[in-house]
Amino acid sequence: MEQFDFIENLTYENPDQMSAQALAYVGDAVYELYIRGKLVSMGIRSAKKLHSSKVKYAKASGQRAVFENIQEKLSEAEARVASRGRNMKSSSIPKNADPVDYSYATAFEALIGYLYLKNNKERLMEILETAVGDIS
């Protein structure tokens, strides 16, 4: 998958002023779409195989591992956004997720949402490619 096409003609408030929750909400969708696109581009057509492959990358523990791998490489602004996401109080943590994993996953999703809404395609793709790598 060579590029990640952005949805055009949408206007957003300044992502620097958005809540961590809103950033994570968008980031979750962007990350999931990226993963699904990668899997389909590999020729996987079975819904069961698509789902089981996606879960490996989308679950909280997987996102935490990715975040910890890139954390040292974040700019100051990116680190601030991720910190806001990690420290966000969540009213509902999935029952199968470790709360610490979930907080780091939220940090990762907030970062992805922030980069998407800032229209920073190059940095977003760099992080997504690092996160997912070569799916096999």
N, C-alpha and C. Protein backbone atom coordinates (compact mmCIF):
# COMPACT_ATOMS: atom_id res chain seq x y z
N MET A 1 0.86 -1.17 0.00
CA MET A 1 0.00 0.00 0.00
C MET A 1 0.90 1.22 0.00
N GLU A 2 0.89 1.93 -1.08
CA GLU A 2 1.84 3.01 -1.24
C GLU A 2 1.44 4.30 -0.55
N GLN A 3 0.18 4.59 -0.48
CA GLN A 3 -0.21 5.83 0.16
C GLN A 3 -1.52 5.66 0.91
N PHE A 4 -1.72 6.57 1.81
CA PHE A 4 -2.93 6.58 2.62
C PHE A 4 -3.71 7.81 2.19
N ASP A 5 -4.80 7.62 1.48
CA ASP A 5 -5.57 8.75 0.98
C ASP A 5 -6.39 9.37 2.10
N PHE A 6 -6.31 10.67 2.16
CA PHE A 6 -7.04 11.41 3.17
C PHE A 6 -8.42 11.77 2.66
N ILE A 7 -9.36 11.88 3.55
CA ILE A 7 -10.70 12.32 3.18
C ILE A 7 -10.61 13.83 2.96
N GLU A 8 -10.99 14.25 1.80
CA GLU A 8 -10.86 15.66 1.43
C GLU A 8 -12.10 16.45 1.83
N ASN A 9 -11.94 17.74 1.84
CA ASN A 9 -13.02 18.71 2.02
C ASN A 9 -13.70 18.64 3.39
N LEU A 10 -12.99 18.17 4.40
CA LEU A 10 -13.51 18.24 5.75
C LEU A 10 -12.73 19.32 6.50
N THR A 11 -13.42 20.05 7.33
CA THR A 11 -12.76 21.10 8.10
C THR A 11 -12.81 20.71 9.57
N TYR A 12 -11.68 20.85 10.24
CA TYR A 12 -11.57 20.49 11.64
C TYR A 12 -11.14 21.70 12.45
N GLU A 13 -11.51 21.70 13.71
CA GLU A 13 -10.96 22.71 14.59
C GLU A 13 -9.48 22.41 14.75
N ASN A 14 -8.76 23.29 15.36
CA ASN A 14 -7.33 23.10 15.55
C ASN A 14 -7.07 21.85 16.39
N PRO A 15 -6.39 20.84 15.84
CA PRO A 15 -6.14 19.60 16.59
C PRO A 15 -5.36 19.82 17.89
N ASP A 16 -4.58 20.91 17.95
CA ASP A 16 -3.84 21.22 19.18
C ASP A 16 -4.79 21.56 20.33
N GLN A 17 -6.00 21.95 20.00
CA GLN A 17 -6.97 22.34 21.02
C GLN A 17 -8.08 21.31 21.22
N MET A 18 -8.00 20.21 20.50
CA MET A 18 -9.03 19.17 20.64
C MET A 18 -8.75 18.31 21.86
N SER A 19 -9.78 17.71 22.39
CA SER A 19 -9.61 16.82 23.55
C SER A 19 -8.86 15.57 23.13
N ALA A 20 -8.16 14.98 24.07
CA ALA A 20 -7.45 13.72 23.81
C ALA A 20 -8.45 12.65 23.39
N GLN A 21 -9.62 12.69 23.96
CA GLN A 21 -10.65 11.71 23.63
C GLN A 21 -11.06 11.82 22.17
N ALA A 22 -11.24 13.03 21.67
CA ALA A 22 -11.61 13.23 20.27
C ALA A 22 -10.47 12.79 19.35
N LEU A 23 -9.23 13.11 19.72
CA LEU A 23 -8.08 12.70 18.91
C LEU A 23 -7.97 11.18 18.85
N ALA A 24 -8.16 10.52 19.99
CA ALA A 24 -8.07 9.06 20.04
C ALA A 24 -9.21 8.42 19.24
N TYR A 25 -10.36 9.03 19.27
CA TYR A 25 -11.51 8.53 18.51
C TYR A 25 -11.19 8.51 17.02
N VAL A 26 -10.64 9.61 16.52
CA VAL A 26 -10.26 9.69 15.11
C VAL A 26 -9.09 8.76 14.84
N GLY A 27 -8.10 8.75 15.72
CA GLY A 27 -6.93 7.91 15.54
C GLY A 27 -7.25 6.43 15.47
N ASP A 28 -8.20 6.00 16.28
CA ASP A 28 -8.62 4.60 16.26
C ASP A 28 -9.15 4.23 14.87
N ALA A 29 -9.98 5.10 14.32
CA ALA A 29 -10.56 4.84 13.00
C ALA A 29 -9.49 4.85 11.90
N VAL A 30 -8.58 5.80 11.96
CA VAL A 30 -7.52 5.90 10.95
C VAL A 30 -6.62 4.66 11.01
N TYR A 31 -6.23 4.27 12.21
CA TYR A 31 -5.35 3.11 12.38
C TYR A 31 -6.03 1.83 11.90
N GLU A 32 -7.28 1.67 12.27
CA GLU A 32 -8.02 0.48 11.86
C GLU A 32 -8.19 0.44 10.34
N LEU A 33 -8.49 1.56 9.73
CA LEU A 33 -8.62 1.62 8.28
C LEU A 33 -7.30 1.28 7.60
N TYR A 34 -6.20 1.78 8.15
CA TYR A 34 -4.89 1.49 7.58
C TYR A 34 -4.60 -0.01 7.64
N ILE A 35 -4.84 -0.61 8.79
CA ILE A 35 -4.61 -2.05 8.95
C ILE A 35 -5.48 -2.84 7.98
N ARG A 36 -6.76 -2.51 7.94
CA ARG A 36 -7.68 -3.23 7.05
C ARG A 36 -7.25 -3.09 5.59
N GLY A 37 -6.84 -1.90 5.21
CA GLY A 37 -6.37 -1.67 3.85
C GLY A 37 -5.15 -2.51 3.52
N LYS A 38 -4.21 -2.58 4.47
CA LYS A 38 -3.01 -3.40 4.26
C LYS A 38 -3.39 -4.86 4.07
N LEU A 39 -4.28 -5.36 4.90
CA LEU A 39 -4.67 -6.77 4.83
C LEU A 39 -5.37 -7.10 3.52
N VAL A 40 -6.29 -6.25 3.11
CA VAL A 40 -7.01 -6.48 1.86
C VAL A 40 -6.06 -6.38 0.68
N SER A 41 -5.10 -5.45 0.74
CA SER A 41 -4.15 -5.30 -0.37
C SER A 41 -3.25 -6.52 -0.52
N MET A 42 -3.18 -7.34 0.52
CA MET A 42 -2.40 -8.58 0.46
C MET A 42 -3.19 -9.71 -0.20
N GLY A 43 -4.44 -9.46 -0.49
CA GLY A 43 -5.26 -10.47 -1.15
C GLY A 43 -6.08 -11.33 -0.20
N ILE A 44 -6.08 -10.98 1.08
CA ILE A 44 -6.89 -11.75 2.03
C ILE A 44 -8.35 -11.39 1.79
N ARG A 45 -9.19 -12.39 1.63
CA ARG A 45 -10.60 -12.13 1.34
C ARG A 45 -11.54 -12.73 2.38
N SER A 46 -11.08 -13.68 3.14
CA SER A 46 -11.93 -14.31 4.15
C SER A 46 -12.14 -13.34 5.32
N ALA A 47 -13.40 -13.11 5.65
CA ALA A 47 -13.70 -12.21 6.76
C ALA A 47 -13.08 -12.70 8.06
N LYS A 48 -13.09 -14.01 8.27
CA LYS A 48 -12.51 -14.57 9.49
C LYS A 48 -11.01 -14.31 9.55
N LYS A 49 -10.31 -14.52 8.45
CA LYS A 49 -8.87 -14.30 8.40
C LYS A 49 -8.55 -12.81 8.52
N LEU A 50 -9.35 -11.97 7.87
CA LEU A 50 -9.15 -10.52 7.98
C LEU A 50 -9.28 -10.08 9.43
N HIS A 51 -10.33 -10.55 10.10
CA HIS A 51 -10.57 -10.15 11.48
C HIS A 51 -9.45 -10.64 12.40
N SER A 52 -9.08 -11.90 12.30
CA SER A 52 -8.05 -12.44 13.19
C SER A 52 -6.71 -11.76 12.96
N SER A 53 -6.40 -11.41 11.73
CA SER A 53 -5.16 -10.71 11.43
C SER A 53 -5.19 -9.29 11.98
N LYS A 54 -6.33 -8.63 11.84
CA LYS A 54 -6.47 -7.25 12.31
C LYS A 54 -6.34 -7.15 13.83
N VAL A 55 -6.93 -8.10 14.53
CA VAL A 55 -6.94 -8.07 15.99
C VAL A 55 -5.52 -8.02 16.56
N LYS A 56 -4.62 -8.72 15.93
CA LYS A 56 -3.22 -8.75 16.38
C LYS A 56 -2.64 -7.34 16.48
N TYR A 57 -3.01 -6.47 15.55
CA TYR A 57 -2.48 -5.11 15.51
C TYR A 57 -3.34 -4.11 16.28
N ALA A 58 -4.64 -4.36 16.34
CA ALA A 58 -5.56 -3.38 16.90
C ALA A 58 -5.78 -3.53 18.40
N LYS A 59 -5.41 -4.66 18.99
CA LYS A 59 -5.65 -4.82 20.42
C LYS A 59 -4.73 -3.91 21.23
N ALA A 60 -5.16 -3.60 22.43
CA ALA A 60 -4.45 -2.63 23.28
C ALA A 60 -2.99 -3.02 23.51
N SER A 61 -2.72 -4.28 23.78
CA SER A 61 -1.34 -4.69 24.05
C SER A 61 -0.45 -4.49 22.82
N GLY A 62 -1.00 -4.71 21.64
CA GLY A 62 -0.24 -4.49 20.41
C GLY A 62 0.04 -3.02 20.18
N GLN A 63 -0.94 -2.19 20.45
CA GLN A 63 -0.75 -0.74 20.30
C GLN A 63 0.23 -0.21 21.34
N ARG A 64 0.20 -0.77 22.54
CA ARG A 64 1.16 -0.35 23.56
C ARG A 64 2.58 -0.67 23.10
N ALA A 65 2.79 -1.86 22.57
CA ALA A 65 4.12 -2.26 22.10
C ALA A 65 4.61 -1.32 21.01
N VAL A 66 3.73 -0.97 20.09
CA VAL A 66 4.09 -0.04 19.02
C VAL A 66 4.44 1.31 19.60
N PHE A 67 3.61 1.80 20.51
CA PHE A 67 3.85 3.12 21.09
C PHE A 67 5.19 3.15 21.82
N GLU A 68 5.47 2.12 22.59
CA GLU A 68 6.74 2.09 23.32
C GLU A 68 7.93 2.05 22.35
N ASN A 69 7.73 1.46 21.19
CA ASN A 69 8.78 1.39 20.18
C ASN A 69 9.08 2.75 19.55
N ILE A 70 8.07 3.61 19.43
CA ILE A 70 8.25 4.90 18.78
C ILE A 70 8.36 6.07 19.76
N GLN A 71 8.08 5.84 21.01
CA GLN A 71 7.98 6.91 22.00
C GLN A 71 9.22 7.81 22.03
N GLU A 72 10.39 7.24 21.95
CA GLU A 72 11.63 8.01 22.01
C GLU A 72 11.85 8.88 20.77
N LYS A 73 11.12 8.58 19.70
CA LYS A 73 11.32 9.28 18.43
C LYS A 73 10.29 10.38 18.19
N LEU A 74 9.46 10.66 19.20
CA LEU A 74 8.41 11.66 19.03
C LEU A 74 8.95 13.07 19.22
N SER A 75 8.39 13.99 18.47
CA SER A 75 8.71 15.40 18.68
C SER A 75 8.09 15.84 20.00
N GLU A 76 8.43 17.02 20.43
CA GLU A 76 7.88 17.55 21.69
C GLU A 76 6.35 17.67 21.61
N ALA A 77 5.85 18.18 20.50
CA ALA A 77 4.39 18.33 20.33
C ALA A 77 3.71 16.97 20.30
N GLU A 78 4.30 16.01 19.59
CA GLU A 78 3.73 14.67 19.52
C GLU A 78 3.72 14.01 20.89
N ALA A 79 4.79 14.18 21.65
CA ALA A 79 4.87 13.61 22.99
C ALA A 79 3.81 14.21 23.92
N ARG A 80 3.55 15.50 23.76
CA ARG A 80 2.51 16.16 24.57
C ARG A 80 1.14 15.57 24.27
N VAL A 81 0.85 15.38 22.98
CA VAL A 81 -0.45 14.81 22.58
C VAL A 81 -0.57 13.39 23.13
N ALA A 82 0.48 12.60 22.97
CA ALA A 82 0.45 11.21 23.46
C ALA A 82 0.28 11.18 24.97
N SER A 83 0.93 12.08 25.67
CA SER A 83 0.80 12.14 27.12
C SER A 83 -0.63 12.47 27.54
N ARG A 84 -1.24 13.39 26.82
CA ARG A 84 -2.65 13.71 27.10
C ARG A 84 -3.53 12.49 26.89
N GLY A 85 -3.25 11.74 25.84
CA GLY A 85 -4.02 10.52 25.57
C GLY A 85 -3.80 9.47 26.65
N ARG A 86 -2.56 9.29 27.04
CA ARG A 86 -2.23 8.27 28.05
C ARG A 86 -2.85 8.61 29.41
N ASN A 87 -2.90 9.88 29.74
CA ASN A 87 -3.40 10.30 31.05
C ASN A 87 -4.91 10.54 31.07
N MET A 88 -5.55 10.35 29.94
CA MET A 88 -7.00 10.56 29.86
C MET A 88 -7.73 9.54 30.74
N LYS A 89 -8.68 10.01 31.47
CA LYS A 89 -9.50 9.12 32.29
C LYS A 89 -10.56 8.48 31.40
N SER A 90 -10.62 7.16 31.45
CA SER A 90 -11.59 6.43 30.63
C SER A 90 -12.67 5.84 31.52
N SER A 91 -13.89 6.04 31.10
CA SER A 91 -15.00 5.51 31.89
C SER A 91 -15.27 4.04 31.58
N SER A 92 -14.73 3.57 30.46
CA SER A 92 -15.01 2.17 30.10
C SER A 92 -13.79 1.54 29.43
N ILE A 93 -13.11 0.71 30.17
CA ILE A 93 -11.99 -0.05 29.64
C ILE A 93 -12.53 -1.42 29.28
N PRO A 94 -12.25 -1.89 28.06
CA PRO A 94 -12.75 -3.22 27.68
C PRO A 94 -12.33 -4.28 28.69
N LYS A 95 -13.21 -5.22 28.96
CA LYS A 95 -12.96 -6.20 30.01
C LYS A 95 -11.75 -7.08 29.74
N ASN A 96 -11.38 -7.24 28.47
CA ASN A 96 -10.23 -8.08 28.15
C ASN A 96 -8.93 -7.29 28.02
N ALA A 97 -8.96 -6.00 28.34
CA ALA A 97 -7.77 -5.15 28.20
C ALA A 97 -7.18 -4.81 29.56
N ASP A 98 -5.87 -4.87 29.63
CA ASP A 98 -5.15 -4.41 30.81
C ASP A 98 -5.24 -2.88 30.84
N PRO A 99 -5.55 -2.28 31.99
CA PRO A 99 -5.69 -0.82 32.05
C PRO A 99 -4.44 -0.05 31.60
N VAL A 100 -3.26 -0.56 31.90
CA VAL A 100 -2.03 0.12 31.47
C VAL A 100 -1.87 0.01 29.96
N ASP A 101 -2.12 -1.18 29.41
CA ASP A 101 -2.08 -1.34 27.95
C ASP A 101 -3.06 -0.38 27.30
N TYR A 102 -4.24 -0.29 27.87
CA TYR A 102 -5.28 0.54 27.31
C TYR A 102 -4.88 2.02 27.32
N SER A 103 -4.23 2.47 28.38
CA SER A 103 -3.82 3.88 28.44
C SER A 103 -2.75 4.18 27.39
N TYR A 104 -1.83 3.25 27.16
CA TYR A 104 -0.81 3.45 26.13
C TYR A 104 -1.42 3.34 24.73
N ALA A 105 -2.39 2.47 24.56
CA ALA A 105 -3.08 2.36 23.28
C ALA A 105 -3.82 3.67 22.98
N THR A 106 -4.40 4.26 24.00
CA THR A 106 -5.09 5.54 23.82
C THR A 106 -4.09 6.64 23.46
N ALA A 107 -2.91 6.60 24.05
CA ALA A 107 -1.85 7.56 23.69
C ALA A 107 -1.50 7.42 22.22
N PHE A 108 -1.34 6.17 21.77
CA PHE A 108 -1.01 5.91 20.38
C PHE A 108 -2.13 6.40 19.46
N GLU A 109 -3.37 6.09 19.79
CA GLU A 109 -4.50 6.51 18.96
C GLU A 109 -4.63 8.03 18.92
N ALA A 110 -4.40 8.69 20.05
CA ALA A 110 -4.46 10.15 20.07
C ALA A 110 -3.39 10.74 19.15
N LEU A 111 -2.22 10.16 19.16
CA LEU A 111 -1.14 10.61 18.29
C LEU A 111 -1.52 10.44 16.82
N ILE A 112 -2.07 9.28 16.48
CA ILE A 112 -2.48 9.02 15.09
C ILE A 112 -3.57 10.02 14.68
N GLY A 113 -4.55 10.23 15.54
CA GLY A 113 -5.61 11.19 15.25
C GLY A 113 -5.07 12.60 15.06
N TYR A 114 -4.14 12.98 15.91
CA TYR A 114 -3.52 14.31 15.84
C TYR A 114 -2.81 14.50 14.50
N LEU A 115 -1.99 13.53 14.11
CA LEU A 115 -1.24 13.64 12.86
C LEU A 115 -2.18 13.66 11.65
N TYR A 116 -3.23 12.87 11.71
CA TYR A 116 -4.21 12.85 10.63
C TYR A 116 -4.90 14.21 10.51
N LEU A 117 -5.37 14.74 11.63
CA LEU A 117 -6.09 16.01 11.60
C LEU A 117 -5.18 17.20 11.29
N LYS A 118 -3.91 17.08 11.59
CA LYS A 118 -2.92 18.12 11.22
C LYS A 118 -2.54 18.00 9.75
N ASN A 119 -3.01 16.93 9.10
CA ASN A 119 -2.71 16.65 7.70
C ASN A 119 -1.20 16.43 7.49
N ASN A 120 -0.55 15.86 8.50
CA ASN A 120 0.87 15.57 8.43
C ASN A 120 1.05 14.15 7.88
N LYS A 121 0.83 14.02 6.58
CA LYS A 121 0.80 12.72 5.93
C LYS A 121 2.12 11.97 6.04
N GLU A 122 3.20 12.67 5.85
CA GLU A 122 4.51 12.02 5.87
C GLU A 122 4.80 11.40 7.24
N ARG A 123 4.58 12.15 8.29
CA ARG A 123 4.85 11.64 9.64
C ARG A 123 3.85 10.55 10.03
N LEU A 124 2.60 10.73 9.64
CA LEU A 124 1.58 9.72 9.92
C LEU A 124 1.97 8.40 9.27
N MET A 125 2.35 8.45 8.00
CA MET A 125 2.74 7.22 7.30
C MET A 125 3.98 6.59 7.92
N GLU A 126 4.92 7.40 8.34
CA GLU A 126 6.13 6.89 9.00
C GLU A 126 5.76 6.09 10.24
N ILE A 127 4.86 6.63 11.05
CA ILE A 127 4.46 5.96 12.29
C ILE A 127 3.61 4.73 11.99
N LEU A 128 2.68 4.84 11.06
CA LEU A 128 1.84 3.70 10.71
C LEU A 128 2.68 2.55 10.15
N GLU A 129 3.62 2.87 9.30
CA GLU A 129 4.47 1.82 8.73
C GLU A 129 5.36 1.18 9.80
N THR A 130 5.83 1.98 10.74
CA THR A 130 6.60 1.44 11.86
C THR A 130 5.70 0.55 12.72
N ALA A 131 4.47 1.00 12.93
CA ALA A 131 3.54 0.26 13.77
C ALA A 131 3.18 -1.10 13.19
N VAL A 132 2.91 -1.13 11.90
CA VAL A 132 2.39 -2.33 11.28
C VAL A 132 3.50 -3.14 10.61
N GLY A 133 4.49 -2.46 10.06
CA GLY A 133 5.57 -3.17 9.39
C GLY A 133 5.05 -3.99 8.23
N ASP A 134 5.69 -5.07 7.98
CA ASP A 134 5.26 -5.98 6.90
C ASP A 134 4.32 -7.01 7.49
N ILE A 135 3.05 -6.82 7.22
CA ILE A 135 2.05 -7.80 7.67
C ILE A 135 2.22 -9.05 6.85
N SER A 136 2.23 -10.17 7.53
CA SER A 136 2.30 -11.43 6.78
C SER A 136 1.33 -12.43 7.34
